[in-house]
């Protein structure tokens, strides 16, 4: 069995190496060029989670307030399987589901060879159905598909999905001893490839609606990178991010990275990602310290998703006037660095600063209403 696994891994390495070369020699450039044709024009989209248990109501909210780029909502208050670690855990080798403690973990105490063989075989074969996200783990996904099949919003231009990013997943998943799975080379590799296949499965499902598919890699753990608590180097994280992004590009998708705190922005802007989403309400000053990286990123067709509407910091006293002024101040700083305002408006999206799964339903709706108002105001500026 061990010999069979050895040769399977060798075959897998050869396959991935060949694919890597092909993508970077042909697909990589075309993916970036494809994104250059995407004028986002300050449309609104969401990050992922909503504090609602009813999947149909959640899907309806997405379509109501985010008609240009609706999302399928994650519902973490419905079930722990919809938390951002467990939600993408199906099909991973060695994973154990603990319903009593409401957690998932990797059991490395048993022989995982058969599960690893099956997993990598399915990965090499690009068996996307094997990596599907079931209704039990994402109740709003089928509800969202059903709602779209009834009729697309008249202004719909994109459709958005999401996965947990590799750093956040690698430090959220634990083994049976409580150790971060990012330190287990084989299983962390499986986690990254599993995430890539979850993204691929979403693209396959969402492309039926004839709109470009955006997939965000959600990376709240990125704030720890470079600190004394960091589990890995920026180079390793960039490699894993690009591996998933390459899969998204291979299937014609648009890849985004969401960070709701501070991060290694130079590293992020220099990945092959198409959209960088940051907390523009709380961390504008931090991100604007990298004008050279931003200018280069925009120059190659990248887009900024400004998380200007606060979520965790939302008080209810925020107004569209306040947020538009804050957004304008950020854009002015980039203009001073030689970035054309029309380019900025064209290559920008407007989002909440983070997901809304921990808010009350009333606050989430208030955030969505404010997001809609800010986006509409910005789009009027483009039209004027």
Protein backbone atom coordinates (compact mmCIF):
# COMPACT_ATOMS: atom_id res chain seq x y z
CA UNK A 1 0.00 0.00 0.00
CA UNK A 2 2.84 2.39 0.90
CA UNK A 3 4.55 1.69 -2.45
CA UNK A 4 1.34 2.37 -4.32
CA UNK A 5 0.97 5.68 -2.48
CA UNK A 6 4.58 6.59 -3.28
CA UNK A 7 4.07 6.11 -7.02
CA UNK A 8 0.73 7.91 -6.89
CA UNK A 9 2.42 10.91 -5.27
CA UNK A 10 5.20 10.86 -7.89
CA UNK A 11 2.57 10.83 -10.65
CA UNK A 12 0.76 13.65 -8.88
CA UNK A 13 3.92 15.78 -8.62
CA UNK A 14 4.63 15.31 -12.33
CA UNK A 15 1.05 16.22 -13.23
CA UNK A 16 1.02 19.34 -11.07
CA UNK A 17 4.44 20.45 -12.31
CA UNK A 18 3.32 20.12 -15.93
CA UNK A 19 0.08 21.94 -15.18
CA UNK A 20 1.97 24.72 -13.40
CA UNK A 21 4.21 25.28 -16.43
CA UNK A 22 1.29 25.27 -18.87
CA UNK A 23 -0.74 27.69 -16.78
CA UNK A 24 2.07 30.15 -16.31
CA UNK A 25 3.15 29.99 -19.94
CA UNK A 26 -0.30 30.37 -21.43
CA UNK A 27 -3.24 30.59 -19.03
CA UNK A 28 -1.64 32.98 -16.55
CA UNK A 29 -1.32 35.84 -19.01
CA UNK A 30 -4.72 35.27 -20.59
CA UNK A 31 -6.40 35.18 -17.17
CA UNK A 32 -4.99 38.60 -16.31
CA UNK A 33 -5.96 39.94 -19.73
CA UNK A 34 -9.48 38.60 -19.29
CA UNK A 35 -9.79 40.49 -16.02
CA UNK A 36 -8.69 43.68 -17.78
CA UNK A 37 -11.98 43.54 -19.65
CA UNK A 38 -13.91 43.54 -16.35
CA UNK A 39 -15.08 47.04 -15.50
CA UNK A 40 -16.53 46.71 -12.02
CA UNK A 41 -17.60 50.37 -11.81
CA UNK A 42 -18.08 50.40 -8.01
CA UNK A 43 -20.78 47.72 -7.97
CA UNK A 44 -21.59 46.20 -4.60
CA UNK A 45 -20.96 42.62 -3.53
CA UNK A 46 -20.75 40.76 -0.24
CA UNK A 47 -18.09 38.87 1.68
CA UNK A 48 -20.02 35.71 2.53
CA UNK A 49 -21.84 35.21 5.80
CA UNK A 50 -25.26 36.41 6.94
CA UNK A 51 -26.82 35.98 10.43
CA UNK A 52 -29.89 34.17 9.15
CA UNK A 53 -30.94 30.53 9.48
CA UNK A 54 -33.45 30.43 6.63
CA UNK A 55 -31.52 29.76 3.38
CA UNK A 56 -34.29 31.09 1.12
CA UNK A 57 -34.48 34.38 3.02
CA UNK A 58 -30.69 34.68 2.93
CA UNK A 59 -30.59 34.12 -0.83
CA UNK A 60 -33.37 36.68 -1.31
CA UNK A 61 -31.43 39.29 0.68
CA UNK A 62 -28.37 38.70 -1.47
CA UNK A 63 -30.34 39.18 -4.67
CA UNK A 64 -32.18 42.23 -3.30
CA UNK A 65 -29.17 44.23 -2.12
CA UNK A 66 -26.38 42.83 -4.31
CA UNK A 67 -28.09 42.46 -7.70
CA UNK A 68 -24.99 43.27 -9.81
CA UNK A 69 -22.83 40.62 -8.11
CA UNK A 70 -24.94 38.44 -5.80
CA UNK A 71 -23.34 35.92 -3.46
CA UNK A 72 -24.48 32.59 -2.08
CA UNK A 73 -24.69 33.26 1.66
CA UNK A 74 -22.88 31.31 4.35
CA UNK A 75 -25.10 30.74 7.39
CA UNK A 76 -22.85 30.11 10.42
CA UNK A 77 -25.72 30.63 12.89
CA UNK A 78 -27.63 27.75 11.27
CA UNK A 79 -25.09 25.00 11.92
CA UNK A 80 -21.42 24.69 12.88
CA UNK A 81 -20.85 22.95 9.54
CA UNK A 82 -21.27 26.39 7.96
CA UNK A 83 -18.37 27.88 9.94
CA UNK A 84 -15.55 28.84 7.59
CA UNK A 85 -13.34 25.87 8.51
CA UNK A 86 -15.93 23.08 8.54
CA UNK A 87 -17.82 24.35 5.49
CA UNK A 88 -15.08 23.30 3.07
CA UNK A 89 -13.98 20.17 4.93
CA UNK A 90 -16.02 17.50 3.14
CA UNK A 91 -13.88 14.99 1.21
CA UNK A 92 -10.65 15.81 3.07
CA UNK A 93 -8.65 12.71 4.04
CA UNK A 94 -8.51 11.88 7.73
CA UNK A 95 -11.14 14.39 8.76
CA UNK A 96 -13.39 13.56 11.72
CA UNK A 97 -16.69 15.29 12.46
CA UNK A 98 -17.52 15.69 16.16
CA UNK A 99 -21.22 16.58 16.43
CA UNK A 100 -21.10 16.73 20.23
CA UNK A 101 -18.30 19.30 20.44
CA UNK A 102 -19.38 20.87 17.12
CA UNK A 103 -15.98 20.72 15.50
CA UNK A 104 -13.96 18.98 12.82
CA UNK A 105 -10.40 17.73 13.19
CA UNK A 106 -7.88 15.50 11.47
CA UNK A 107 -7.26 12.12 13.10
CA UNK A 108 -3.64 11.35 12.21
CA UNK A 109 -3.45 8.45 14.67
CA UNK A 110 -4.90 6.04 12.11
CA UNK A 111 -3.58 4.89 8.74
CA UNK A 112 -4.69 7.54 6.23
CA UNK A 113 -3.13 5.88 3.17
CA UNK A 114 -6.40 4.69 1.56
CA UNK A 115 -8.06 8.09 2.07
CA UNK A 116 -5.02 9.96 0.76
CA UNK A 117 -4.90 7.73 -2.32
CA UNK A 118 -8.57 8.30 -3.06
CA UNK A 119 -8.29 12.06 -2.49
CA UNK A 120 -5.28 12.60 -4.78
CA UNK A 121 -6.72 10.30 -7.45
CA UNK A 122 -9.89 12.42 -7.52
CA UNK A 123 -7.80 15.58 -7.56
CA UNK A 124 -5.67 14.44 -10.50
CA UNK A 125 -8.80 13.35 -12.38
CA UNK A 126 -10.45 16.75 -11.66
CA UNK A 127 -13.49 14.97 -10.31
CA UNK A 128 -15.22 18.17 -9.23
CA UNK A 129 -18.36 16.33 -8.10
CA UNK A 130 -16.28 14.51 -5.49
CA UNK A 131 -15.41 17.90 -3.98
CA UNK A 132 -18.92 19.35 -3.98
CA UNK A 133 -20.24 21.31 -1.01
CA UNK A 134 -23.37 19.51 0.13
CA UNK A 135 -26.55 21.19 1.31
CA UNK A 136 -25.79 20.05 4.86
CA UNK A 137 -22.68 22.25 4.80
CA UNK A 138 -24.07 25.14 2.72
CA UNK A 139 -27.86 25.27 2.89
CA UNK A 140 -28.07 28.58 1.02
CA UNK A 141 -26.13 27.36 -2.01
CA UNK A 142 -28.99 25.31 -3.52
CA UNK A 143 -31.45 28.00 -2.39
CA UNK A 144 -29.37 30.59 -4.25
CA UNK A 145 -29.23 28.42 -7.39
CA UNK A 146 -32.99 27.89 -7.21
CA UNK A 147 -33.62 31.62 -6.86
CA UNK A 148 -31.37 32.45 -9.83
CA UNK A 149 -33.10 29.86 -11.99
CA UNK A 150 -36.38 31.69 -11.39
CA UNK A 151 -34.87 34.78 -13.00
CA UNK A 152 -31.64 36.77 -12.84
CA UNK A 153 -31.65 40.34 -11.48
CA UNK A 154 -31.85 42.71 -14.43
CA UNK A 155 -28.60 44.42 -13.44
CA UNK A 156 -26.65 41.22 -12.69
CA UNK A 157 -23.14 41.30 -14.20
CA UNK A 158 -21.22 38.79 -12.04
CA UNK A 159 -21.95 36.00 -9.57
CA UNK A 160 -19.75 35.41 -6.53
CA UNK A 161 -18.68 32.41 -4.48
CA UNK A 162 -16.05 31.99 -1.79
CA UNK A 163 -13.74 29.64 0.03
CA UNK A 164 -11.57 29.92 3.11
CA UNK A 165 -8.01 30.91 2.20
CA UNK A 166 -5.12 28.48 2.73
CA UNK A 167 -3.51 30.28 5.67
CA UNK A 168 -6.76 30.61 7.59
CA UNK A 169 -7.73 27.00 6.84
CA UNK A 170 -4.28 25.71 7.71
CA UNK A 171 -4.34 27.39 11.11
CA UNK A 172 -8.02 26.64 11.82
CA UNK A 173 -7.89 22.90 11.13
CA UNK A 174 -6.27 20.92 13.95
CA UNK A 175 -5.14 17.34 14.41
CA UNK A 176 -6.28 15.15 17.29
CA UNK A 177 -3.66 16.73 19.58
CA UNK A 178 -4.73 20.30 18.81
CA UNK A 179 -1.77 21.08 16.53
CA UNK A 180 -2.43 23.30 13.51
CA UNK A 181 -2.64 21.18 10.37
CA UNK A 182 -0.47 23.71 8.54
CA UNK A 183 2.48 21.94 10.21
CA UNK A 184 1.57 18.60 8.61
CA UNK A 185 2.99 18.92 5.09
CA UNK A 186 0.95 16.15 3.47
CA UNK A 187 -2.40 17.10 5.02
CA UNK A 188 -1.87 20.84 4.52
CA UNK A 189 -1.20 20.12 0.85
CA UNK A 190 -4.47 18.18 0.76
CA UNK A 191 -6.29 21.10 2.42
CA UNK A 192 -4.99 23.55 -0.19
CA UNK A 193 -5.90 21.28 -3.08
CA UNK A 194 -9.27 20.55 -1.51
CA UNK A 195 -9.96 24.30 -1.34
CA UNK A 196 -8.94 24.69 -4.98
CA UNK A 197 -11.39 21.95 -5.95
CA UNK A 198 -14.18 23.53 -3.86
CA UNK A 199 -13.58 26.73 -5.84
CA UNK A 200 -13.59 24.77 -9.10
CA UNK A 201 -16.85 23.03 -8.19
CA UNK A 202 -18.49 26.39 -7.46
CA UNK A 203 -17.37 27.78 -10.80
CA UNK A 204 -18.81 24.74 -12.58
CA UNK A 205 -22.13 25.22 -10.78
CA UNK A 206 -22.37 29.00 -11.12
CA UNK A 207 -21.25 29.40 -14.71
CA UNK A 208 -24.62 28.06 -15.92
CA UNK A 209 -26.01 31.58 -15.48
CA UNK A 210 -23.76 33.01 -18.18
CA UNK A 211 -22.02 35.60 -15.98
CA UNK A 212 -18.35 35.78 -14.96
CA UNK A 213 -17.78 33.92 -11.68
CA UNK A 214 -15.85 35.62 -8.89
CA UNK A 215 -14.33 33.45 -6.15
CA UNK A 216 -12.97 35.14 -3.03
CA UNK A 217 -10.35 33.48 -0.83
CA UNK A 218 -11.24 34.68 2.67
CA UNK A 219 -8.13 35.20 4.79
CA UNK A 220 -8.89 36.70 8.22
CA UNK A 221 -5.77 34.96 9.60
CA UNK A 222 -3.55 36.99 7.27
CA UNK A 223 -3.08 39.55 10.03
CA UNK A 224 -0.84 37.10 11.91
CA UNK A 225 1.53 36.66 8.96
CA UNK A 226 4.97 38.08 9.67
CA UNK A 227 4.37 38.25 13.43
CA UNK A 228 5.91 36.04 16.07
CA UNK A 229 2.73 33.95 15.93
CA UNK A 230 2.99 33.25 12.21
CA UNK A 231 3.02 29.55 11.35
CA UNK A 232 4.63 29.95 7.92
CA UNK A 233 6.48 32.46 5.76
CA UNK A 234 4.93 34.91 3.32
CA UNK A 235 6.56 33.00 0.46
CA UNK A 236 4.77 29.78 1.40
CA UNK A 237 1.44 31.58 1.76
CA UNK A 238 1.90 33.29 -1.63
CA UNK A 239 2.67 29.91 -3.23
CA UNK A 240 -0.49 28.35 -1.77
CA UNK A 241 -2.64 31.34 -2.71
CA UNK A 242 -1.36 31.23 -6.30
CA UNK A 243 -2.02 27.50 -6.50
CA UNK A 244 -5.71 28.08 -5.77
CA UNK A 245 -5.86 31.23 -7.91
CA UNK A 246 -4.39 29.31 -10.85
CA UNK A 247 -7.19 26.76 -10.55
CA UNK A 248 -9.78 29.56 -10.56
CA UNK A 249 -8.15 31.09 -13.64
CA UNK A 250 -7.89 27.74 -15.41
CA UNK A 251 -11.70 27.47 -15.28
CA UNK A 252 -12.22 31.06 -16.42
CA UNK A 253 -13.01 32.48 -12.98
CA UNK A 254 -11.99 35.75 -11.38
CA UNK A 255 -10.06 35.37 -8.11
CA UNK A 256 -10.19 37.70 -5.13
CA UNK A 257 -8.49 37.77 -1.73
CA UNK A 258 -10.36 39.16 1.27
CA UNK A 259 -8.46 40.40 4.34
CA UNK A 260 -10.40 42.09 7.13
CA UNK A 261 -7.34 43.21 9.09
CA UNK A 262 -3.81 44.33 8.35
CA UNK A 263 -1.72 42.05 6.16
CA UNK A 264 1.44 41.65 4.12
CA UNK A 265 0.01 43.82 1.37
CA UNK A 266 3.11 43.70 -0.82
CA UNK A 267 2.84 39.91 -0.93
CA UNK A 268 -0.90 39.99 -1.66
CA UNK A 269 -0.71 42.58 -4.44
CA UNK A 270 2.07 40.58 -6.08
CA UNK A 271 0.17 37.31 -6.26
CA UNK A 272 -1.75 36.55 -9.46
CA UNK A 273 -5.04 37.58 -7.83
CA UNK A 274 -7.52 39.77 -9.73
CA UNK A 275 -9.29 41.53 -6.83
CA UNK A 276 -7.91 42.59 -3.45
CA UNK A 277 -10.60 43.24 -0.83
CA UNK A 278 -9.58 45.14 2.29
CA UNK A 279 -11.24 46.77 5.30
CA UNK A 280 -11.29 50.34 4.00
CA UNK A 281 -13.23 51.52 7.05
CA UNK A 282 -10.75 50.38 9.68
CA UNK A 283 -7.47 49.87 7.80
CA UNK A 284 -7.42 52.46 5.01
CA UNK A 285 -4.25 54.11 6.35
CA UNK A 286 -2.39 50.79 6.52
CA UNK A 287 -3.22 49.78 2.94
CA UNK A 288 -2.44 53.23 1.53
CA UNK A 289 1.15 52.81 2.75
CA UNK A 290 1.73 50.65 -0.36
CA UNK A 291 0.93 52.99 -3.29
CA UNK A 292 3.62 51.49 -5.53
CA UNK A 293 2.25 47.96 -5.14
CA UNK A 294 -1.31 49.19 -5.65
CA UNK A 295 -0.39 51.16 -8.77
CA UNK A 296 1.39 48.15 -10.25
CA UNK A 297 -1.56 45.92 -9.36
CA UNK A 298 -4.08 48.26 -11.00
CA UNK A 299 -1.77 48.63 -14.00
CA UNK A 300 -2.00 44.92 -14.75
CA UNK A 301 -5.79 45.00 -14.59
CA UNK A 302 -6.34 44.27 -10.89
CA UNK A 303 -9.29 45.69 -8.98
CA UNK A 304 -9.72 47.02 -5.46
CA UNK A 305 -12.75 45.95 -3.42
CA UNK A 306 -13.16 48.68 -0.80
CA UNK A 307 -14.69 47.26 2.40
CA UNK A 308 -15.96 50.68 3.36
CA UNK A 309 -19.15 49.69 5.23
CA UNK A 310 -18.22 48.52 8.75
CA UNK A 311 -19.59 45.26 10.11
CA UNK A 312 -18.10 44.41 13.52
CA UNK A 313 -17.60 48.14 14.19
CA UNK A 314 -21.05 49.08 12.87
CA UNK A 315 -22.92 51.42 15.24
CA UNK A 316 -25.88 52.52 13.13
CA UNK A 317 -24.65 56.11 13.14
CA UNK A 318 -22.71 55.71 9.90
CA UNK A 319 -24.10 57.54 6.86
CA UNK A 320 -23.53 57.24 3.14
CA UNK A 321 -22.11 60.78 3.15
CA UNK A 322 -19.49 59.79 5.73
CA UNK A 323 -18.49 56.60 3.93
CA UNK A 324 -18.37 58.16 0.46
CA UNK A 325 -16.15 60.93 1.85
CA UNK A 326 -13.84 58.34 3.43
CA UNK A 327 -13.73 56.42 0.17
CA UNK A 328 -12.99 59.59 -1.78
CA UNK A 329 -10.11 60.42 0.57
CA UNK A 330 -8.53 57.05 -0.13
CA UNK A 331 -8.89 57.46 -3.87
CA UNK A 332 -7.39 60.95 -3.68
CA UNK A 333 -4.29 59.52 -2.04
CA UNK A 334 -3.86 57.10 -4.93
CA UNK A 335 -4.47 59.89 -7.44
CA UNK A 336 -1.54 61.78 -5.92
CA UNK A 337 0.57 58.72 -6.69
CA UNK A 338 -0.38 58.92 -10.37
CA UNK A 339 -3.41 56.61 -10.49
CA UNK A 340 -6.11 57.99 -12.77
CA UNK A 341 -9.47 58.54 -11.02
CA UNK A 342 -11.41 57.00 -13.92
CA UNK A 343 -9.24 53.90 -13.69
CA UNK A 344 -9.89 53.70 -9.96
CA UNK A 345 -13.64 53.99 -10.33
CA UNK A 346 -13.68 51.46 -13.15
CA UNK A 347 -11.53 48.96 -11.23
CA UNK A 348 -13.29 49.19 -7.88
CA UNK A 349 -16.01 47.29 -6.07
CA UNK A 350 -17.76 48.27 -2.83
CA UNK A 351 -18.21 45.73 -0.01
CA UNK A 352 -18.79 45.42 3.71
CA UNK A 353 -15.57 45.33 5.70
CA UNK A 354 -16.12 41.66 6.57
CA UNK A 355 -18.76 38.98 6.76
CA UNK A 356 -21.93 39.61 8.78
CA UNK A 357 -22.50 36.20 10.33
CA UNK A 358 -21.91 37.47 13.88
CA UNK A 359 -24.30 40.44 13.62
CA UNK A 360 -27.99 40.56 14.42
CA UNK A 361 -30.30 40.20 11.41
CA UNK A 362 -31.44 43.82 11.78
CA UNK A 363 -27.86 45.10 11.77
CA UNK A 364 -27.02 42.97 8.75
CA UNK A 365 -29.92 44.45 6.80
CA UNK A 366 -28.85 47.96 7.87
CA UNK A 367 -25.32 47.25 6.60
CA UNK A 368 -26.70 45.97 3.29
CA UNK A 369 -28.89 49.05 2.87
CA UNK A 370 -25.95 51.34 3.56
CA UNK A 371 -23.76 49.34 1.17
CA UNK A 372 -26.42 49.69 -1.53
CA UNK A 373 -26.59 53.45 -1.00
CA UNK A 374 -22.81 53.94 -1.11
CA UNK A 375 -22.48 51.84 -4.27
CA UNK A 376 -25.32 53.72 -5.97
CA UNK A 377 -23.71 57.05 -5.09
CA UNK A 378 -20.36 55.97 -6.49
CA UNK A 379 -21.95 54.66 -9.68
CA UNK A 380 -23.68 58.02 -10.19
CA UNK A 381 -20.27 59.68 -10.00
CA UNK A 382 -19.10 57.45 -12.87
CA UNK A 383 -22.17 58.27 -14.94
CA UNK A 384 -21.88 62.04 -14.39
